[in-house]
Amino acid sequence: MAAAKTKAETAISDNAVMVFSKSYCPYCNASKKLLTELGAKYETMELDLIDDGSAIQNALQEITNQRTVPNVFIAQKHIGGNSELQAKKSELPALLKAAGAL
């Protein structure tokens, strides 16, 4: 668990926008589509495509109290899932610009 938590925390701290996702998840795809449409530079970790994805998802639950994906971070701040990201649509350009992701 410690290695997965470190991997998740490193991904969050190393990227202005970090999306923990699953490749088949429609909510994850909606979040990535929104970020792409806004022109954001973001990093994605597809938890279903990596060996330690399940452990990373468990670590994310420990970090954020959220087990579901997508799990979105902007400027190392936990935004939440797709619903929360979509709800912040009007604020996103400013948040992304402040994070250096635009």
Foldseek 3Di string as FASTA:
>chain_A
DVVLLVVLLCLLQVWQKEWEAAPPDPQQVLLVVLCVVLVFDYYYDHLVPDPCSQVNLVSVCVVPVDNDDGFMDGRSHTQGHSVSSVVCSVVVVVSRVVSVGD
